[in-house]
């Protein structure tokens, strides 16, 4: 009898508990892993949070799972939109973007994921991770669609948790910016005059200036401490016999070519640096092959190499009175004023290399011996001082293979077996940034991450890296733009010293998007990587 009454009471309390749970579930969300919101067979995608908890802590990571049906002959299109959370990476299973086509990417605010899943992908469950950025009491939600069919994951309530990690230092990187002679010819010592009979077009126009403003205003909005550009600021075909325009004078004799080179540098370099200066952005620059006139280097161009280097240094690495901007440099090297090291913070060592060894007799892609010994001292001192992070930039990739697009594909001599890479390995360089190839490849070897990226501005290949340095990790985010270049009918191409010029029109969407991410720790471990920063399968 007593047992029967106890069972009746338990049943009543169970009913009450079920009703309360249902109410809470409706208000806060269930977290069940089972497929969500299937009102009829095949009507909605199967999606769920990975955790069944009704709550998430501030600044924690939440994960969701989406089952993507197999398609025939086409990619499946998955979209995720988050509330009070930001995606941390492009999920495994999402087809990586390439510079000329967006497949999978994250919106600039981190709320939206677009993921294309190839029909050849075997694993059809996509797992996304997001960092909670909502305040206590707010709700975290996710809307999911697969090929237009939608479902909504139950909301989770934000509770007290960890404090947000502090970004101690932020820098940007965009090699090969601009890799074009973009500037108003009238602002330099040229003989160009608009409207003059036989005059060329200018080297800029309103479309190019708007495109530059869009990109640089975006960079400025990120409030970075500094910007790195690993070479190829300009096209640089200066002082050549090929230029018959006369804009910078004749080029028949060596004296004329030297004068022409100086006039070109005095036209384009000040306008390049002024774009950054008026936005309060501090740029640290390396020399690329185009700052040496572009490869290949015949006898005439090799003889101009010291002048090319002096013109670069006078605008970027020396002050107006000639004082070196950087005190730590390879004294006695031919590149004393174009290679340098600095510590923007005690725990961060940064180095810029000049990887071009050009003399009257030959041109090679390698460090001269004095620069190499100086670099070894810089790296040794950094480790002796307990510096946590070492970041190096140089124009060319060292290890390969790497993707390339519209590039001669210069690489550092010796690659992984070179003394330079062995120094990186010995002293624990964390990140090496390079350009030259106008595409993106991330290679992790010997505890060093080499990231080759950047691209041709005038042909829509500009991309950039956001590097956030925390106490014990560095988060890398690779962003791209939707850029359209066009030779509009009836409009002449813009003039630059290289024959052929630049497309007349350039349009940049003001909203960038993330196509790759990576996370490093201070011991050289690559903790995660996603999107285009995943290992490159050469066949793709």
Protein backbone atom coordinates (compact mmCIF):
# COMPACT_ATOMS: atom_id res chain seq x y z
CA UNK A 1 0.00 0.00 0.00
CA UNK A 2 2.75 2.40 1.04
CA UNK A 3 4.75 1.44 -2.05
CA UNK A 4 1.74 2.17 -4.26
CA UNK A 5 1.26 5.67 -2.76
CA UNK A 6 4.96 6.40 -3.14
CA UNK A 7 4.78 5.47 -6.82
CA UNK A 8 1.76 7.73 -7.37
CA UNK A 9 3.55 10.68 -5.73
CA UNK A 10 6.70 10.00 -7.73
CA UNK A 11 4.66 9.96 -10.92
CA UNK A 12 3.04 13.29 -10.04
CA UNK A 13 6.43 14.86 -9.22
CA UNK A 14 7.85 13.40 -12.42
CA UNK A 15 5.07 15.07 -14.37
CA UNK A 16 5.79 18.40 -12.67
CA UNK A 17 9.52 18.03 -13.37
CA UNK A 18 8.79 17.23 -17.00
CA UNK A 19 6.62 20.33 -17.35
CA UNK A 20 9.30 22.54 -15.76
CA UNK A 21 11.95 21.04 -18.01
CA UNK A 22 9.77 21.64 -21.05
CA UNK A 23 9.26 25.24 -20.04
CA UNK A 24 12.97 25.76 -19.54
CA UNK A 25 13.68 24.08 -22.83
CA UNK A 26 11.31 26.40 -24.63
CA UNK A 27 12.82 29.45 -22.99
CA UNK A 28 16.51 28.59 -22.98
CA UNK A 29 17.02 25.81 -25.51
CA UNK A 30 17.75 22.13 -25.18
CA UNK A 31 21.28 21.38 -26.23
CA UNK A 32 20.36 17.87 -27.23
CA UNK A 33 22.63 16.21 -29.71
CA UNK A 34 19.70 14.62 -31.48
CA UNK A 35 18.59 16.15 -34.79
CA UNK A 36 16.72 19.43 -34.26
CA UNK A 37 13.51 20.86 -35.69
CA UNK A 38 12.49 18.07 -38.05
CA UNK A 39 8.83 18.87 -38.62
CA UNK A 40 8.67 16.48 -41.56
CA UNK A 41 11.07 14.10 -43.20
CA UNK A 42 13.76 15.93 -45.16
CA UNK A 43 12.25 19.36 -44.43
CA UNK A 44 15.10 20.66 -42.29
CA UNK A 45 18.78 19.84 -41.90
CA UNK A 46 19.85 17.72 -38.95
CA UNK A 47 21.75 20.02 -36.60
CA UNK A 48 22.41 20.22 -32.87
CA UNK A 49 24.74 21.66 -30.27
CA UNK A 50 27.47 19.25 -29.22
CA UNK A 51 26.65 19.85 -25.54
CA UNK A 52 23.22 19.36 -23.99
CA UNK A 53 23.80 22.05 -21.36
CA UNK A 54 21.28 24.88 -21.23
CA UNK A 55 24.03 27.36 -20.36
CA UNK A 56 27.38 28.58 -21.72
CA UNK A 57 30.01 30.65 -19.93
CA UNK A 58 31.30 33.99 -21.16
CA UNK A 59 34.35 33.66 -23.42
CA UNK A 60 34.00 29.88 -23.65
CA UNK A 61 33.82 27.79 -26.84
CA UNK A 62 30.57 26.23 -28.02
CA UNK A 63 30.32 23.67 -30.82
CA UNK A 64 27.57 22.61 -33.15
CA UNK A 65 27.14 19.73 -35.59
CA UNK A 66 25.39 19.71 -38.94
CA UNK A 67 24.71 16.64 -41.08
CA UNK A 68 25.16 17.54 -44.75
CA UNK A 69 23.42 15.20 -47.21
CA UNK A 70 25.48 13.85 -50.07
CA UNK A 71 24.93 15.57 -53.42
CA UNK A 72 25.56 14.44 -56.96
CA UNK A 73 27.88 16.44 -59.14
CA UNK A 74 27.79 19.66 -57.09
CA UNK A 75 28.81 21.09 -53.74
CA UNK A 76 26.30 21.19 -50.91
CA UNK A 77 25.92 24.71 -49.50
CA UNK A 78 25.88 25.06 -45.71
CA UNK A 79 25.29 28.39 -44.00
CA UNK A 80 25.47 29.12 -40.27
CA UNK A 81 24.50 32.41 -38.64
CA UNK A 82 25.34 32.97 -34.97
CA UNK A 83 24.01 35.32 -32.31
CA UNK A 84 26.33 36.44 -29.47
CA UNK A 85 29.14 34.17 -30.70
CA UNK A 86 31.89 34.33 -33.33
CA UNK A 87 33.25 31.51 -35.44
CA UNK A 88 36.85 30.65 -34.59
CA UNK A 89 37.78 28.66 -37.71
CA UNK A 90 36.51 27.32 -41.02
CA UNK A 91 35.35 23.77 -40.20
CA UNK A 92 37.05 20.66 -41.52
CA UNK A 93 34.98 19.37 -44.41
CA UNK A 94 34.39 22.83 -45.85
CA UNK A 95 36.05 23.27 -49.23
CA UNK A 96 38.86 25.85 -48.84
CA UNK A 97 38.65 29.07 -50.81
CA UNK A 98 41.33 30.10 -53.28
CA UNK A 99 42.23 33.68 -54.13
CA UNK A 100 40.23 33.71 -57.34
CA UNK A 101 37.15 31.93 -56.00
CA UNK A 102 35.31 31.88 -52.70
CA UNK A 103 34.21 28.43 -51.59
CA UNK A 104 34.15 28.55 -47.79
CA UNK A 105 34.63 31.65 -45.66
CA UNK A 106 33.64 33.53 -42.52
CA UNK A 107 32.16 37.02 -42.58
CA UNK A 108 34.25 39.92 -41.29
CA UNK A 109 32.24 40.11 -38.05
CA UNK A 110 32.65 36.38 -37.44
CA UNK A 111 28.91 35.72 -37.24
CA UNK A 112 28.33 33.99 -40.57
CA UNK A 113 29.82 30.86 -42.10
CA UNK A 114 29.49 29.91 -45.74
CA UNK A 115 30.68 26.34 -46.27
CA UNK A 116 30.72 24.37 -49.49
CA UNK A 117 30.98 20.62 -49.01
CA UNK A 118 32.29 18.71 -52.01
CA UNK A 119 30.37 15.63 -53.17
CA UNK A 120 33.66 13.73 -52.78
CA UNK A 121 33.87 14.54 -49.06
CA UNK A 122 33.32 11.30 -47.17
CA UNK A 123 32.60 12.67 -43.72
CA UNK A 124 29.30 14.51 -44.02
CA UNK A 125 29.06 15.93 -40.49
CA UNK A 126 30.41 19.47 -40.24
CA UNK A 127 31.42 20.64 -36.76
CA UNK A 128 31.68 24.40 -36.18
CA UNK A 129 33.26 26.10 -33.15
CA UNK A 130 32.40 29.56 -31.87
CA UNK A 131 33.67 31.80 -29.09
CA UNK A 132 30.96 33.27 -26.86
CA UNK A 133 31.05 37.07 -26.85
CA UNK A 134 27.59 37.79 -25.47
CA UNK A 135 27.05 39.27 -22.03
CA UNK A 136 25.68 37.48 -18.98
CA UNK A 137 21.99 36.74 -19.44
CA UNK A 138 22.07 37.04 -23.22
CA UNK A 139 21.23 34.12 -25.48
CA UNK A 140 23.50 32.33 -27.91
CA UNK A 141 21.73 31.06 -30.99
CA UNK A 142 22.46 29.51 -34.35
CA UNK A 143 20.46 29.43 -37.57
CA UNK A 144 21.51 26.67 -39.98
CA UNK A 145 20.63 26.06 -43.61
CA UNK A 146 21.71 23.35 -46.04
CA UNK A 147 20.87 24.00 -49.70
CA UNK A 148 18.17 26.44 -48.60
CA UNK A 149 16.50 24.19 -46.01
CA UNK A 150 16.65 25.82 -42.60
CA UNK A 151 16.53 24.99 -38.92
CA UNK A 152 17.25 26.87 -35.72
CA UNK A 153 19.24 25.44 -32.84
CA UNK A 154 17.82 25.97 -29.33
CA UNK A 155 19.19 29.06 -27.61
CA UNK A 156 21.65 28.84 -24.71
CA UNK A 157 21.85 31.32 -21.83
CA UNK A 158 25.19 33.04 -21.12
CA UNK A 159 26.46 32.77 -17.52
CA UNK A 160 29.54 34.09 -15.72
CA UNK A 161 32.80 32.57 -16.92
CA UNK A 162 36.34 33.50 -17.80
CA UNK A 163 37.55 37.00 -18.57
CA UNK A 164 38.24 37.74 -22.22
CA UNK A 165 41.89 37.06 -23.11
CA UNK A 166 43.91 40.22 -23.67
CA UNK A 167 45.37 40.92 -27.10
CA UNK A 168 48.82 42.19 -26.18
CA UNK A 169 49.89 43.14 -29.68
CA UNK A 170 48.30 43.16 -33.12
CA UNK A 171 50.08 43.40 -36.44
CA UNK A 172 48.99 43.11 -40.05
CA UNK A 173 50.90 41.63 -42.98
CA UNK A 174 50.30 42.14 -46.70
CA UNK A 175 53.28 41.38 -48.96
CA UNK A 176 53.22 42.64 -52.56
CA UNK A 177 51.14 45.67 -51.67
CA UNK A 178 50.85 47.18 -54.26
CA UNK A 179 53.22 45.50 -56.70
CA UNK A 180 52.22 48.30 -59.08
CA UNK A 181 53.27 51.87 -59.87
CA UNK A 182 50.15 53.56 -58.51
CA UNK A 183 50.42 57.32 -58.08
CA UNK A 184 49.76 60.70 -59.62
CA UNK A 185 52.55 61.44 -62.09
CA UNK A 186 51.96 65.15 -61.60
CA UNK A 187 53.10 64.87 -57.97
CA UNK A 188 56.65 63.89 -58.87
CA UNK A 189 59.57 65.22 -60.91
CA UNK A 190 58.29 63.76 -64.17
CA UNK A 191 57.82 65.41 -67.54
CA UNK A 192 54.26 64.05 -67.78
CA UNK A 193 51.57 66.62 -68.44
CA UNK A 194 47.89 65.71 -68.95
CA UNK A 195 46.51 66.59 -72.35
CA UNK A 196 49.89 66.99 -73.95
CA UNK A 197 50.11 65.47 -77.40
CA UNK A 198 51.37 61.92 -77.16
CA UNK A 199 51.03 61.87 -73.37
CA UNK A 200 50.42 58.58 -71.63
CA UNK A 201 47.58 58.04 -69.22
CA UNK A 202 48.23 58.76 -65.55
CA UNK A 203 49.28 56.06 -63.06
CA UNK A 204 46.11 56.41 -61.02
CA UNK A 205 42.49 57.47 -61.38
CA UNK A 206 39.46 57.92 -59.09
CA UNK A 207 38.62 54.20 -59.21
CA UNK A 208 42.10 53.25 -57.98
CA UNK A 209 42.05 55.89 -55.26
CA UNK A 210 38.67 54.64 -54.03
CA UNK A 211 39.98 51.07 -54.02
CA UNK A 212 43.04 52.10 -52.01
CA UNK A 213 40.90 54.04 -49.55
CA UNK A 214 38.61 51.05 -49.07
CA UNK A 215 41.47 48.70 -48.22
CA UNK A 216 43.52 51.07 -46.10
CA UNK A 217 40.48 52.35 -44.20
CA UNK A 218 39.67 48.73 -43.37
CA UNK A 219 43.20 48.17 -42.07
CA UNK A 220 43.05 51.37 -40.05
CA UNK A 221 39.79 50.25 -38.42
CA UNK A 222 41.57 47.19 -36.98
CA UNK A 223 43.73 49.43 -34.77
CA UNK A 224 46.87 47.39 -35.44
CA UNK A 225 50.14 48.34 -33.77
CA UNK A 226 52.04 47.97 -37.04
CA UNK A 227 51.86 46.71 -40.62
CA UNK A 228 54.42 44.47 -42.34
CA UNK A 229 54.91 44.47 -46.12
CA UNK A 230 57.43 41.89 -47.32
CA UNK A 231 58.44 43.62 -50.53
CA UNK A 232 57.09 44.51 -53.98
CA UNK A 233 55.54 47.84 -53.13
CA UNK A 234 55.87 49.00 -56.74
CA UNK A 235 56.24 47.64 -60.27
CA UNK A 236 59.70 49.15 -60.37
CA UNK A 237 60.66 48.89 -64.04
CA UNK A 238 62.56 52.13 -63.56
CA UNK A 239 65.59 53.26 -65.49
CA UNK A 240 65.12 50.69 -68.24
CA UNK A 241 65.62 50.85 -71.96
CA UNK A 242 62.07 49.49 -72.47
CA UNK A 243 60.39 52.67 -71.23
CA UNK A 244 60.13 54.95 -74.26
CA UNK A 245 57.45 57.24 -72.82
CA UNK A 246 59.89 59.87 -71.63
CA UNK A 247 57.84 60.40 -68.46
CA UNK A 248 60.98 60.14 -66.34
CA UNK A 249 63.43 61.12 -69.06
CA UNK A 250 65.42 59.20 -71.63
CA UNK A 251 67.01 55.83 -70.89
CA UNK A 252 69.65 55.43 -73.55
CA UNK A 253 72.76 55.93 -71.42
CA UNK A 254 73.53 54.70 -67.92
CA UNK A 255 73.51 58.27 -66.59
CA UNK A 256 70.05 58.82 -68.10
CA UNK A 257 68.78 55.55 -66.63
CA UNK A 258 70.03 56.53 -63.18
CA UNK A 259 68.31 59.89 -63.41
CA UNK A 260 65.11 58.22 -64.62
CA UNK A 261 65.19 55.78 -61.70
CA UNK A 262 65.57 58.62 -59.19
CA UNK A 263 62.61 60.51 -60.68
CA UNK A 264 60.40 57.41 -60.59
CA UNK A 265 61.31 56.70 -56.96
CA UNK A 266 60.64 60.33 -56.06
CA UNK A 267 57.20 60.03 -57.66
CA UNK A 268 55.86 56.71 -56.36
CA UNK A 269 57.56 56.09 -53.00
CA UNK A 270 56.38 59.30 -51.24
CA UNK A 271 52.79 58.67 -52.34
CA UNK A 272 53.00 55.06 -51.14
CA UNK A 273 54.17 55.96 -47.65
CA UNK A 274 51.85 58.99 -47.37
CA UNK A 275 48.78 56.76 -47.68
CA UNK A 276 49.82 54.99 -44.49
CA UNK A 277 51.09 58.08 -42.68
CA UNK A 278 47.85 60.03 -43.00
CA UNK A 279 46.02 57.13 -41.34
CA UNK A 280 48.55 56.90 -38.53
CA UNK A 281 49.67 53.41 -39.55
CA UNK A 282 53.27 52.38 -38.94
CA UNK A 283 54.64 50.24 -41.78
CA UNK A 284 57.80 48.10 -41.72
CA UNK A 285 58.93 47.20 -45.22
CA UNK A 286 61.23 44.71 -46.92
CA UNK A 287 62.73 45.00 -50.39
CA UNK A 288 61.29 42.72 -53.05
CA UNK A 289 62.59 41.93 -56.50
CA UNK A 290 60.54 44.82 -57.92
CA UNK A 291 62.37 47.27 -55.64
CA UNK A 292 65.45 46.10 -57.57
CA UNK A 293 63.79 46.62 -60.95
CA UNK A 294 62.26 43.09 -61.16
CA UNK A 295 63.98 39.93 -62.29
CA UNK A 296 65.67 38.89 -64.50
CA UNK A 297 68.73 40.99 -63.78
CA UNK A 298 70.93 41.68 -66.77
CA UNK A 299 74.18 43.67 -66.56
CA UNK A 300 72.48 47.10 -66.85
CA UNK A 301 70.02 46.36 -64.05
CA UNK A 302 72.63 44.76 -61.78
CA UNK A 303 74.70 47.93 -61.94
CA UNK A 304 71.65 49.89 -60.78
CA UNK A 305 71.06 47.68 -57.71
CA UNK A 306 72.93 49.91 -55.20
CA UNK A 307 70.99 52.95 -56.44
CA UNK A 308 67.68 51.09 -56.15
CA UNK A 309 68.61 50.24 -52.56
CA UNK A 310 69.61 53.80 -51.65
CA UNK A 311 66.36 55.20 -53.05
CA UNK A 312 64.35 52.67 -51.02
CA UNK A 313 66.28 53.36 -47.82
CA UNK A 314 66.02 57.13 -48.14
CA UNK A 315 62.21 56.92 -48.10
CA UNK A 316 61.53 54.04 -45.72
CA UNK A 317 64.42 53.15 -43.39
CA UNK A 318 66.19 56.49 -42.89
CA UNK A 319 64.87 59.71 -41.44
CA UNK A 320 64.87 62.99 -43.36
CA UNK A 321 68.33 63.91 -41.98
CA UNK A 322 69.73 60.51 -42.99
CA UNK A 323 69.67 59.02 -39.50
CA UNK A 324 68.87 55.29 -39.60
CA UNK A 325 65.35 54.54 -38.41
CA UNK A 326 66.46 51.17 -37.00
CA UNK A 327 69.45 50.83 -34.70
CA UNK A 328 69.71 47.04 -34.87
CA UNK A 329 70.93 46.39 -38.41
CA UNK A 330 73.72 44.44 -40.16
CA UNK A 331 76.49 47.02 -40.01
CA UNK A 332 79.04 46.57 -42.77
CA UNK A 333 76.65 44.58 -44.96
CA UNK A 334 75.66 45.90 -48.36
CA UNK A 335 72.12 45.75 -46.93
CA UNK A 336 72.88 47.68 -43.74
CA UNK A 337 69.95 50.03 -44.28
CA UNK A 338 67.39 47.59 -45.72
CA UNK A 339 67.62 44.75 -43.17
CA UNK A 340 66.80 45.46 -39.55
CA UNK A 341 65.42 44.10 -36.27
CA UNK A 342 63.27 45.63 -33.56
CA UNK A 343 61.30 44.68 -30.46
CA UNK A 344 57.94 46.45 -30.32
CA UNK A 345 57.39 44.67 -27.00
CA UNK A 346 59.83 42.85 -24.71
CA UNK A 347 58.30 39.47 -25.57
CA UNK A 348 58.23 40.01 -29.36
CA UNK A 349 61.26 40.05 -31.68
CA UNK A 350 60.66 41.12 -35.27
CA UNK A 351 63.14 40.99 -38.16
CA UNK A 352 63.12 42.21 -41.77
CA UNK A 353 65.53 40.55 -44.20
CA UNK A 354 66.86 41.61 -47.59
CA UNK A 355 67.09 38.29 -49.44
CA UNK A 356 68.69 39.66 -52.64
CA UNK A 357 72.43 39.39 -53.09
CA UNK A 358 73.05 41.40 -56.27
CA UNK A 359 76.45 42.55 -57.49
CA UNK A 360 77.79 43.69 -60.85
CA UNK A 361 78.66 40.07 -61.66
CA UNK A 362 75.57 38.11 -60.56
CA UNK A 363 72.20 38.11 -58.80
CA UNK A 364 71.18 35.49 -56.25
CA UNK A 365 68.31 35.01 -53.81
CA UNK A 366 70.17 34.53 -50.55
CA UNK A 367 71.49 36.51 -47.58
CA UNK A 368 74.98 37.93 -47.84
CA UNK A 369 77.35 36.52 -45.22
CA UNK A 370 77.43 39.63 -43.00
CA UNK A 371 73.64 39.80 -42.89
CA UNK A 372 73.47 36.10 -42.07
CA UNK A 373 75.90 36.42 -39.15
CA UNK A 374 74.02 39.50 -37.90
CA UNK A 375 70.74 37.59 -38.03
CA UNK A 376 72.23 34.74 -36.03
CA UNK A 377 73.21 37.24 -33.34
CA UNK A 378 69.73 38.76 -33.28
CA UNK A 379 68.08 35.35 -32.86
CA UNK A 380 70.61 34.22 -30.25
CA UNK A 381 70.06 37.40 -28.21
CA UNK A 382 66.30 36.99 -28.43
CA UNK A 383 66.47 33.49 -26.97
CA UNK A 384 68.99 34.56 -24.32
CA UNK A 385 66.65 37.36 -23.25
CA UNK A 386 63.68 35.01 -22.99
CA UNK A 387 61.76 36.60 -25.85
CA UNK A 388 58.58 34.59 -26.35
CA UNK A 389 57.85 35.24 -30.05
CA UNK A 390 60.10 35.67 -33.09
CA UNK A 391 58.57 36.87 -36.38
CA UNK A 392 60.67 37.31 -39.55
CA UNK A 393 59.69 38.72 -42.94
CA UNK A 394 61.51 38.36 -46.25
CA UNK A 395 60.29 38.60 -49.80
CA UNK A 396 60.61 35.04 -51.09
CA UNK A 397 59.41 31.69 -49.73
CA UNK A 398 62.12 29.43 -48.34
CA UNK A 399 60.42 26.03 -48.15
CA UNK A 400 57.97 24.65 -50.69
CA UNK A 401 55.98 23.78 -52.61
CA UNK A 402 53.77 26.87 -52.60
CA UNK A 403 50.93 28.03 -54.77
CA UNK A 404 51.76 30.81 -57.21
CA UNK A 405 49.78 33.02 -59.55
CA UNK A 406 51.17 35.46 -62.11
CA UNK A 407 54.62 35.21 -60.55
CA UNK A 408 58.13 34.25 -61.59
CA UNK A 409 58.16 32.11 -58.44
CA UNK A 410 61.48 33.16 -56.92
CA UNK A 411 62.53 30.99 -53.95
CA UNK A 412 65.35 31.25 -51.44
CA UNK A 413 68.40 29.22 -52.50
CA UNK A 414 68.76 25.93 -50.67
CA UNK A 415 65.26 25.91 -49.23
CA UNK A 416 64.90 23.82 -46.09
CA UNK A 417 68.57 22.84 -46.15
CA UNK A 418 69.76 26.47 -46.36
CA UNK A 419 71.69 27.96 -43.47
CA UNK A 420 68.92 30.54 -43.11
CA UNK A 421 66.21 27.94 -42.46
CA UNK A 422 68.53 26.02 -40.14
CA UNK A 423 68.96 29.20 -38.09
CA UNK A 424 65.18 29.54 -37.92
CA UNK A 425 64.98 25.96 -36.68
CA UNK A 426 67.86 26.30 -34.20
CA UNK A 427 66.58 29.45 -32.53
CA UNK A 428 62.88 28.73 -32.68
CA UNK A 429 61.52 31.30 -35.13
CA UNK A 430 57.75 31.10 -34.86
CA UNK A 431 56.55 32.76 -38.06
CA UNK A 432 58.17 33.60 -41.40
CA UNK A 433 56.15 35.87 -43.69
CA UNK A 434 56.89 36.02 -47.42
CA UNK A 435 55.31 37.27 -50.63
CA UNK A 436 56.43 37.00 -54.28
CA UNK A 437 54.02 34.24 -55.35
CA UNK A 438 50.72 36.22 -55.25
CA UNK A 439 48.88 33.36 -53.58
CA UNK A 440 48.49 31.77 -50.15
CA UNK A 441 50.26 28.72 -48.73
CA UNK A 442 51.00 27.90 -45.09
CA UNK A 443 53.78 25.36 -44.47
CA UNK A 444 54.75 24.17 -40.98
CA UNK A 445 58.23 22.64 -40.84
CA UNK A 446 60.68 22.21 -37.97
CA UNK A 447 58.49 24.24 -35.62
CA UNK A 448 58.41 27.22 -38.02
CA UNK A 449 55.27 28.37 -39.82
CA UNK A 450 56.00 29.90 -43.23
CA UNK A 451 53.07 31.88 -44.58
CA UNK A 452 53.36 33.06 -48.18
CA UNK A 453 50.56 35.44 -49.06
CA UNK A 454 49.67 38.86 -50.51
CA UNK A 455 49.12 39.66 -54.15
CA UNK A 456 48.81 42.00 -57.10
CA UNK A 457 46.63 44.98 -56.18
CA UNK A 458 45.76 45.99 -59.75
CA UNK A 459 44.61 42.46 -60.58
CA UNK A 460 42.48 41.83 -57.51
CA UNK A 461 44.78 39.56 -55.49
CA UNK A 462 45.33 41.70 -52.37
CA UNK A 463 44.84 39.83 -49.09
CA UNK A 464 46.13 40.40 -45.58
CA UNK A 465 46.92 38.70 -42.29
CA UNK A 466 45.70 39.80 -38.87
CA UNK A 467 48.03 38.46 -36.16
CA UNK A 468 46.85 38.77 -32.56
CA UNK A 469 49.48 38.03 -29.91
CA UNK A 470 48.18 36.77 -26.57
CA UNK A 471 50.06 35.69 -23.46
CA UNK A 472 50.62 32.13 -24.62
CA UNK A 473 49.42 31.93 -28.21
CA UNK A 474 49.26 33.78 -31.51
CA UNK A 475 46.05 33.73 -33.54
CA UNK A 476 46.39 34.27 -37.30
CA UNK A 477 43.44 35.27 -39.48
CA UNK A 478 43.85 35.47 -43.27
CA UNK A 479 41.38 37.85 -44.91
CA UNK A 480 40.56 38.43 -48.56
CA UNK A 481 38.55 40.98 -50.56
CA UNK A 482 36.11 40.78 -53.40
CA UNK A 483 38.06 42.85 -55.96
CA UNK A 484 37.09 43.27 -59.59
CA UNK A 485 39.54 44.65 -62.13
CA UNK A 486 38.32 45.42 -65.61
CA UNK A 487 39.59 46.82 -68.88
CA UNK A 488 36.46 48.80 -69.65
CA UNK A 489 35.60 49.30 -73.28
CA UNK A 490 36.86 52.60 -74.56
CA UNK A 491 39.13 53.31 -71.59
CA UNK A 492 42.90 53.24 -71.87
CA UNK A 493 44.91 51.25 -69.34
CA UNK A 494 46.73 53.18 -66.66
CA UNK A 495 50.38 53.85 -67.36
CA UNK A 496 53.24 52.32 -65.44
CA UNK A 497 56.86 51.81 -66.32
CA UNK A 498 56.28 48.21 -67.37
CA UNK A 499 54.81 47.91 -70.87
CA UNK A 500 51.13 47.00 -70.87
CA UNK A 501 50.04 49.07 -67.91
CA UNK A 502 47.19 48.39 -65.49
CA UNK A 503 43.44 47.75 -65.97
CA UNK A 504 41.46 50.98 -66.11
CA UNK A 505 38.85 50.06 -63.49
CA UNK A 506 39.19 48.55 -60.04
CA UNK A 507 36.39 47.91 -57.55
CA UNK A 508 36.80 46.66 -53.98
CA UNK A 509 33.94 45.49 -51.79
CA UNK A 510 34.26 47.26 -48.42
CA UNK A 511 33.65 44.06 -46.45
CA UNK A 512 36.54 41.56 -46.27
CA UNK A 513 36.04 37.91 -45.37
CA UNK A 514 38.14 35.26 -43.63
CA UNK A 515 39.47 32.40 -45.76
CA UNK A 516 41.92 30.83 -43.32
CA UNK A 517 43.00 30.71 -39.68
CA UNK A 518 45.81 29.25 -37.58
CA UNK A 519 46.86 29.25 -33.93
CA UNK A 520 50.46 28.94 -32.70
CA UNK A 521 51.80 28.47 -29.22
CA UNK A 522 55.12 29.87 -28.04
CA UNK A 523 56.82 26.45 -28.25
CA UNK A 524 56.44 26.26 -32.02
CA UNK A 525 53.38 24.03 -31.99
CA UNK A 526 50.68 24.63 -34.56
CA UNK A 527 47.55 24.08 -32.49
CA UNK A 528 45.01 24.44 -35.28
CA UNK A 529 44.67 25.58 -38.88
CA UNK A 530 41.71 25.96 -41.20
CA UNK A 531 40.63 26.96 -44.69
CA UNK A 532 43.35 27.97 -47.11
CA UNK A 533 45.92 27.68 -44.30
CA UNK A 534 45.46 23.92 -44.11
CA UNK A 535 48.19 21.78 -45.76
CA UNK A 536 48.17 22.26 -49.51
CA UNK A 537 47.45 19.18 -51.56
CA UNK A 538 49.45 20.03 -54.68
CA UNK A 539 46.90 18.43 -56.97
CA UNK A 540 44.25 21.04 -55.99
